[in-house]
Amino acid sequence: MAGLNASEIRVAGTGTIYVAPAHTASPVDFTKSWDSSWVNLGYTTSDGVKFVKKDKLDPVDTWQSVAAIRYVFSDRDFSVKFSLLQINSDTLPFFFSSGVKAVGTTLFEIAAAPTVDERALGIEFGDGPNITRFYIPRGAVTETDETSITRTSAIKLGVTFTALTPINPRFEPLATWSVKPPTTTATEVTEEEQPA
């Protein structure tokens, strides 16, 4: 039974957001880092990442009861929101959902008819020695925020990335959340285990 445990409290002191082609595997072992398939999207605003989970449940009504007799899931929307601060050949195509074509290294053409750009998304944040990883195997940018270009603040590329059901021969979850197991610094020795 869960109780008071301060070590289970997480504060996302600093973190990183990665993208890769859809269904790219995330590192399972915490001794391994994200490989070269994953692109670091760089600086984000201090708001970090917001998780949004919306489930739609439809009631089953009956003639014999005023209240619903049960509920069934009809929709699940799981997404993450964040704002990118760096503008480059990685962040612009992600923001415009593949509607950007690079012409050389300094010119980017925004397509009139973009296609859905499916990606895998990885988020890692640390709280001292505690590391947490969040992984979406398949998703897409489904919404972008209004972008202001002003004299007094940095340009922000705000996006909402929504998870899609993985298309894979074997079952995969919509997303995964993994926490690095705590390391023990000393082994407790009970009175019975102490040498005579």
C-alpha atoms as a PDB file:
ATOM      1  CA  MET A   1       0.000   0.000   0.000  1.00  0.00           C
ATOM      2  CA  ALA A   2       1.371   3.404  -0.964  1.00  0.00           C
ATOM      3  CA  GLY A   3       2.335   5.715   1.851  1.00  0.00           C
ATOM      4  CA  LEU A   4       4.416   8.798   2.509  1.00  0.00           C
ATOM      5  CA  ASN A   5       7.590   8.525   0.432  1.00  0.00           C
ATOM      6  CA  ALA A   6       9.492  11.732  -0.375  1.00  0.00           C
ATOM      7  CA  SER A   7      11.807   9.897  -2.805  1.00  0.00           C
ATOM      8  CA  GLU A   8       8.841   9.415  -5.149  1.00  0.00           C
ATOM      9  CA  ILE A   9       8.326  13.172  -5.561  1.00  0.00           C
ATOM     10  CA  ARG A  10       9.721  14.398  -8.876  1.00  0.00           C
ATOM     11  CA  VAL A  11      10.743  17.945  -9.805  1.00  0.00           C
ATOM     12  CA  ALA A  12      11.743  18.289 -13.466  1.00  0.00           C
ATOM     13  CA  GLY A  13      14.805  20.442 -12.883  1.00  0.00           C
ATOM     14  CA  THR A  14      16.009  20.301 -16.467  1.00  0.00           C
ATOM     15  CA  GLY A  15      15.039  18.251 -19.478  1.00  0.00           C
ATOM     16  CA  THR A  16      15.474  17.484 -23.154  1.00  0.00           C
ATOM     17  CA  ILE A  17      13.020  16.818 -25.990  1.00  0.00           C
ATOM     18  CA  TYR A  18      13.966  14.433 -28.798  1.00  0.00           C
ATOM     19  CA  VAL A  19      12.287  13.443 -32.083  1.00  0.00           C
ATOM     20  CA  ALA A  20      12.992  10.553 -34.440  1.00  0.00           C
ATOM     21  CA  PRO A  21      11.256   8.670 -37.253  1.00  0.00           C
ATOM     22  CA  ALA A  22       8.039   7.006 -36.065  1.00  0.00           C
ATOM     23  CA  HIS A  23       8.534   3.715 -34.188  1.00  0.00           C
ATOM     24  CA  THR A  24      12.205   4.414 -33.426  1.00  0.00           C
ATOM     25  CA  ALA A  25      12.947   2.555 -30.202  1.00  0.00           C
ATOM     26  CA  SER A  26      13.794   4.553 -27.109  1.00  0.00           C
ATOM     27  CA  PRO A  27      16.687   3.527 -24.862  1.00  0.00           C
ATOM     28  CA  VAL A  28      15.378   1.079 -22.269  1.00  0.00           C
ATOM     29  CA  ASP A  29      18.556   0.852 -20.213  1.00  0.00           C
ATOM     30  CA  PHE A  30      19.247   4.026 -18.233  1.00  0.00           C
ATOM     31  CA  THR A  31      22.987   3.505 -18.700  1.00  0.00           C
ATOM     32  CA  LYS A  32      22.466   4.178 -22.432  1.00  0.00           C
ATOM     33  CA  SER A  33      21.712   7.546 -23.993  1.00  0.00           C
ATOM     34  CA  TRP A  34      19.459   8.384 -26.945  1.00  0.00           C
ATOM     35  CA  ASP A  35      21.238   7.187 -30.096  1.00  0.00           C
ATOM     36  CA  SER A  36      21.956   9.109 -33.305  1.00  0.00           C
ATOM     37  CA  SER A  37      18.454   8.430 -34.686  1.00  0.00           C
ATOM     38  CA  TRP A  38      17.119  10.922 -32.140  1.00  0.00           C
ATOM     39  CA  VAL A  39      17.413  14.684 -32.749  1.00  0.00           C
ATOM     40  CA  ASN A  40      17.633  17.037 -29.774  1.00  0.00           C
ATOM     41  CA  LEU A  41      15.215  19.923 -30.398  1.00  0.00           C
ATOM     42  CA  GLY A  42      17.275  22.247 -28.212  1.00  0.00           C
ATOM     43  CA  TYR A  43      16.120  24.991 -25.887  1.00  0.00           C
ATOM     44  CA  THR A  44      12.497  25.270 -24.810  1.00  0.00           C
ATOM     45  CA  THR A  45      10.745  27.871 -22.694  1.00  0.00           C
ATOM     46  CA  SER A  46      10.865  27.588 -18.903  1.00  0.00           C
ATOM     47  CA  ASP A  47       7.272  26.304 -18.978  1.00  0.00           C
ATOM     48  CA  GLY A  48       8.770  22.921 -19.864  1.00  0.00           C
ATOM     49  CA  VAL A  49       6.302  20.298 -21.082  1.00  0.00           C
ATOM     50  CA  LYS A  50       2.580  20.013 -20.366  1.00  0.00           C
ATOM     51  CA  PHE A  51       0.869  16.624 -20.512  1.00  0.00           C
ATOM     52  CA  VAL A  52      -2.759  16.635 -21.652  1.00  0.00           C
ATOM     53  CA  LYS A  53      -4.923  13.521 -21.317  1.00  0.00           C
ATOM     54  CA  LYS A  54      -8.541  13.684 -22.438  1.00  0.00           C
ATOM     55  CA  ASP A  55     -10.749  10.616 -22.315  1.00  0.00           C
ATOM     56  CA  LYS A  56     -14.286  10.617 -23.679  1.00  0.00           C
ATOM     57  CA  LEU A  57     -16.697   8.271 -21.985  1.00  0.00           C
ATOM     58  CA  ASP A  58     -20.158   7.709 -23.405  1.00  0.00           C
ATOM     59  CA  PRO A  59     -22.947   6.753 -20.992  1.00  0.00           C
ATOM     60  CA  VAL A  60     -25.069   3.666 -21.484  1.00  0.00           C
ATOM     61  CA  ASP A  61     -28.609   4.767 -20.586  1.00  0.00           C
ATOM     62  CA  THR A  62     -31.450   2.453 -19.720  1.00  0.00           C
ATOM     63  CA  TRP A  63     -35.202   2.725 -19.543  1.00  0.00           C
ATOM     64  CA  GLN A  64     -35.186   1.529 -15.940  1.00  0.00           C
ATOM     65  CA  SER A  65     -32.730   4.092 -14.529  1.00  0.00           C
ATOM     66  CA  VAL A  66     -32.289   7.864 -14.755  1.00  0.00           C
ATOM     67  CA  ALA A  67     -28.535   7.629 -14.124  1.00  0.00           C
ATOM     68  CA  ALA A  68     -26.208   5.917 -16.596  1.00  0.00           C
ATOM     69  CA  ILE A  69     -25.830   2.202 -15.946  1.00  0.00           C
ATOM     70  CA  ARG A  70     -22.203   2.160 -17.166  1.00  0.00           C
ATOM     71  CA  TYR A  71     -19.711   4.083 -19.293  1.00  0.00           C
ATOM     72  CA  VAL A  72     -17.709   3.004 -22.322  1.00  0.00           C
ATOM     73  CA  PHE A  73     -14.575   4.638 -23.692  1.00  0.00           C
ATOM     74  CA  SER A  74     -15.195   6.238 -27.072  1.00  0.00           C
ATOM     75  CA  ASP A  75     -12.056   8.354 -27.448  1.00  0.00           C
ATOM     76  CA  ARG A  76      -8.625   8.911 -25.919  1.00  0.00           C
ATOM     77  CA  ASP A  77      -6.537  11.995 -26.688  1.00  0.00           C
ATOM     78  CA  PHE A  78      -3.041  12.011 -25.214  1.00  0.00           C
ATOM     79  CA  SER A  79      -0.737  14.877 -26.112  1.00  0.00           C
ATOM     80  CA  VAL A  80       2.178  16.976 -24.910  1.00  0.00           C
ATOM     81  CA  LYS A  81       2.625  20.735 -25.334  1.00  0.00           C
ATOM     82  CA  PHE A  82       5.849  22.726 -25.358  1.00  0.00           C
ATOM     83  CA  SER A  83       7.456  25.776 -26.988  1.00  0.00           C
ATOM     84  CA  LEU A  84      10.734  25.585 -28.889  1.00  0.00           C
ATOM     85  CA  LEU A  85      13.123  28.529 -28.807  1.00  0.00           C
ATOM     86  CA  GLN A  86      15.704  27.530 -31.413  1.00  0.00           C
ATOM     87  CA  ILE A  87      14.903  28.034 -35.093  1.00  0.00           C
ATOM     88  CA  ASN A  88      16.790  25.698 -37.408  1.00  0.00           C
ATOM     89  CA  SER A  89      16.480  22.850 -39.932  1.00  0.00           C
ATOM     90  CA  ASP A  90      15.231  20.493 -37.187  1.00  0.00           C
ATOM     91  CA  THR A  91      12.665  22.686 -35.441  1.00  0.00           C
ATOM     92  CA  LEU A  92      11.069  24.405 -38.468  1.00  0.00           C
ATOM     93  CA  PRO A  93       9.993  21.201 -40.290  1.00  0.00           C
ATOM     94  CA  PHE A  94       8.723  19.838 -36.961  1.00  0.00           C
ATOM     95  CA  PHE A  95       6.695  22.996 -36.305  1.00  0.00           C
ATOM     96  CA  PHE A  96       5.271  23.190 -39.841  1.00  0.00           C
ATOM     97  CA  SER A  97       4.581  19.427 -39.954  1.00  0.00           C
ATOM     98  CA  SER A  98       6.900  18.562 -42.854  1.00  0.00           C
ATOM     99  CA  GLY A  99       5.586  21.493 -44.854  1.00  0.00           C
ATOM    100  CA  VAL A 100       9.067  22.986 -45.013  1.00  0.00           C
ATOM    101  CA  LYS A 101      11.558  22.309 -47.772  1.00  0.00           C
ATOM    102  CA  ALA A 102      15.169  23.328 -47.221  1.00  0.00           C
ATOM    103  CA  VAL A 103      16.744  25.147 -50.146  1.00  0.00           C
ATOM    104  CA  GLY A 104      20.422  25.282 -49.311  1.00  0.00           C
ATOM    105  CA  THR A 105      21.147  25.990 -45.654  1.00  0.00           C
ATOM    106  CA  THR A 106      19.415  29.342 -45.124  1.00  0.00           C
ATOM    107  CA  LEU A 107      16.168  29.235 -47.138  1.00  0.00           C
ATOM    108  CA  PHE A 108      13.102  27.245 -46.106  1.00  0.00           C
ATOM    109  CA  GLU A 109      10.007  27.004 -48.318  1.00  0.00           C
ATOM    110  CA  ILE A 110       6.676  26.432 -46.554  1.00  0.00           C
ATOM    111  CA  ALA A 111       4.430  24.128 -48.593  1.00  0.00           C
ATOM    112  CA  ALA A 112       0.869  25.092 -49.465  1.00  0.00           C
ATOM    113  CA  ALA A 113      -0.310  21.507 -48.934  1.00  0.00           C
ATOM    114  CA  PRO A 114       1.693  19.864 -46.139  1.00  0.00           C
ATOM    115  CA  THR A 115       1.426  16.191 -45.264  1.00  0.00           C
ATOM    116  CA  VAL A 116       1.158  14.673 -41.803  1.00  0.00           C
ATOM    117  CA  ASP A 117       4.668  14.204 -40.463  1.00  0.00           C
ATOM    118  CA  GLU A 118       4.608  11.212 -38.114  1.00  0.00           C
ATOM    119  CA  ARG A 119       7.415  11.073 -35.581  1.00  0.00           C
ATOM    120  CA  ALA A 120       8.471   9.375 -32.386  1.00  0.00           C
ATOM    121  CA  LEU A 121       8.915  11.711 -29.424  1.00  0.00           C
ATOM    122  CA  GLY A 122      11.124  11.294 -26.387  1.00  0.00           C
ATOM    123  CA  ILE A 123      11.352  13.439 -23.270  1.00  0.00           C
ATOM    124  CA  GLU A 124      13.956  13.036 -20.546  1.00  0.00           C
ATOM    125  CA  PHE A 125      14.240  15.071 -17.372  1.00  0.00           C
ATOM    126  CA  GLY A 126      16.381  14.851 -14.291  1.00  0.00           C
ATOM    127  CA  ASP A 127      15.827  15.558 -10.621  1.00  0.00           C
ATOM    128  CA  GLY A 128      19.303  15.194  -9.182  1.00  0.00           C
ATOM    129  CA  PRO A 129      20.292  11.529  -9.752  1.00  0.00           C
ATOM    130  CA  ASN A 130      16.682  10.594 -10.562  1.00  0.00           C
ATOM    131  CA  ILE A 131      15.989  10.334 -14.297  1.00  0.00           C
ATOM    132  CA  THR A 132      12.546  10.016 -15.899  1.00  0.00           C
ATOM    133  CA  ARG A 133      11.892   9.210 -19.554  1.00  0.00           C
ATOM    134  CA  PHE A 134       8.662   9.593 -21.499  1.00  0.00           C
ATOM    135  CA  TYR A 135       8.259   8.043 -24.945  1.00  0.00           C
ATOM    136  CA  ILE A 136       5.620   8.192 -27.693  1.00  0.00           C
ATOM    137  CA  PRO A 137       6.407   5.676 -30.480  1.00  0.00           C
ATOM    138  CA  ARG A 138       4.142   7.340 -33.045  1.00  0.00           C
ATOM    139  CA  GLY A 139       2.521  10.761 -33.124  1.00  0.00           C
ATOM    140  CA  ALA A 140       2.242  14.044 -34.992  1.00  0.00           C
ATOM    141  CA  VAL A 141       2.057  17.776 -34.420  1.00  0.00           C
ATOM    142  CA  THR A 142      -1.684  18.450 -34.390  1.00  0.00           C
ATOM    143  CA  GLU A 143      -1.733  22.086 -33.304  1.00  0.00           C
ATOM    144  CA  THR A 144       0.619  25.064 -33.268  1.00  0.00           C
ATOM    145  CA  ASP A 145       0.437  28.195 -31.147  1.00  0.00           C
ATOM    146  CA  GLU A 146       0.269  31.723 -32.415  1.00  0.00           C
ATOM    147  CA  THR A 147       3.848  32.937 -32.916  1.00  0.00           C
ATOM    148  CA  SER A 148       4.766  36.508 -32.012  1.00  0.00           C
ATOM    149  CA  ILE A 149       7.752  38.265 -33.569  1.00  0.00           C
ATOM    150  CA  THR A 150       8.546  41.243 -31.363  1.00  0.00           C
ATOM    151  CA  ARG A 151      11.444  43.399 -30.264  1.00  0.00           C
ATOM    152  CA  THR A 152      11.256  42.393 -26.600  1.00  0.00           C
ATOM    153  CA  SER A 153      11.099  38.592 -26.558  1.00  0.00           C
ATOM    154  CA  ALA A 154      12.400  35.483 -28.281  1.00  0.00           C
ATOM    155  CA  ILE A 155      10.336  33.820 -31.000  1.00  0.00           C
ATOM    156  CA  LYS A 156       8.534  30.758 -29.638  1.00  0.00           C
ATOM    157  CA  LEU A 157       7.435  27.791 -31.727  1.00  0.00           C
ATOM    158  CA  GLY A 158       4.629  26.354 -29.599  1.00  0.00           C
ATOM    159  CA  VAL A 159       3.412  22.892 -30.587  1.00  0.00           C
ATOM    160  CA  THR A 160       0.967  20.227 -29.450  1.00  0.00           C
ATOM    161  CA  PHE A 161       2.193  16.710 -30.233  1.00  0.00           C
ATOM    162  CA  THR A 162      -0.518  14.043 -30.104  1.00  0.00           C
ATOM    163  CA  ALA A 163       0.074  10.309 -29.732  1.00  0.00           C
ATOM    164  CA  LEU A 164      -1.260   7.963 -32.413  1.00  0.00           C
ATOM    165  CA  THR A 165      -1.904   4.238 -32.070  1.00  0.00           C
ATOM    166  CA  PRO A 166       1.318   2.457 -33.108  1.00  0.00           C
ATOM    167  CA  ILE A 167       1.134   0.504 -36.358  1.00  0.00           C
ATOM    168  CA  ASN A 168       3.296  -2.491 -35.607  1.00  0.00           C
ATOM    169  CA  PRO A 169       3.000  -6.266 -35.978  1.00  0.00           C
ATOM    170  CA  ARG A 170       3.223  -6.631 -32.202  1.00  0.00           C
ATOM    171  CA  PHE A 171       1.283  -4.706 -29.576  1.00  0.00           C
ATOM    172  CA  GLU A 172       2.817  -1.456 -28.373  1.00  0.00           C
ATOM    173  CA  PRO A 173       1.433   1.036 -25.874  1.00  0.00           C
ATOM    174  CA  LEU A 174       0.336   4.532 -26.805  1.00  0.00           C
ATOM    175  CA  ALA A 175       3.165   5.912 -24.655  1.00  0.00           C
ATOM    176  CA  THR A 176       5.535   4.811 -21.896  1.00  0.00           C
ATOM    177  CA  TRP A 177       6.765   6.467 -18.714  1.00  0.00           C
ATOM    178  CA  SER A 178       9.928   5.006 -17.166  1.00  0.00           C
ATOM    179  CA  VAL A 179      11.789   5.962 -14.021  1.00  0.00           C
ATOM    180  CA  LYS A 180      15.388   5.099 -13.259  1.00  0.00           C
ATOM    181  CA  PRO A 181      15.377   2.706 -10.299  1.00  0.00           C
ATOM    182  CA  PRO A 182      16.869   4.191  -7.126  1.00  0.00           C
ATOM    183  CA  THR A 183      20.398   3.191  -6.258  1.00  0.00           C
ATOM    184  CA  THR A 184      21.191   1.974  -2.764  1.00  0.00           C
ATOM    185  CA  THR A 185      24.277   3.444  -1.159  1.00  0.00           C
ATOM    186  CA  ALA A 186      24.453   1.061   1.791  1.00  0.00           C
ATOM    187  CA  THR A 187      23.021  -2.304   2.752  1.00  0.00           C
ATOM    188  CA  GLU A 188      21.181  -2.529   6.036  1.00  0.00           C
ATOM    189  CA  VAL A 189      22.338  -5.364   8.265  1.00  0.00           C
ATOM    190  CA  THR A 190      19.871  -6.733  10.783  1.00  0.00           C
ATOM    191  CA  GLU A 191      20.891  -8.031  14.188  1.00  0.00           C
ATOM    192  CA  GLU A 192      20.323 -11.619  13.022  1.00  0.00           C
ATOM    193  CA  GLU A 193      22.730 -11.086  10.061  1.00  0.00           C
ATOM    194  CA  GLN A 194      25.536  -9.542  12.122  1.00  0.00           C
ATOM    195  CA  PRO A 195      28.550 -11.818  12.602  1.00  0.00           C
ATOM    196  CA  ALA A 196      29.017 -13.270  16.094  1.00  0.00           C
END
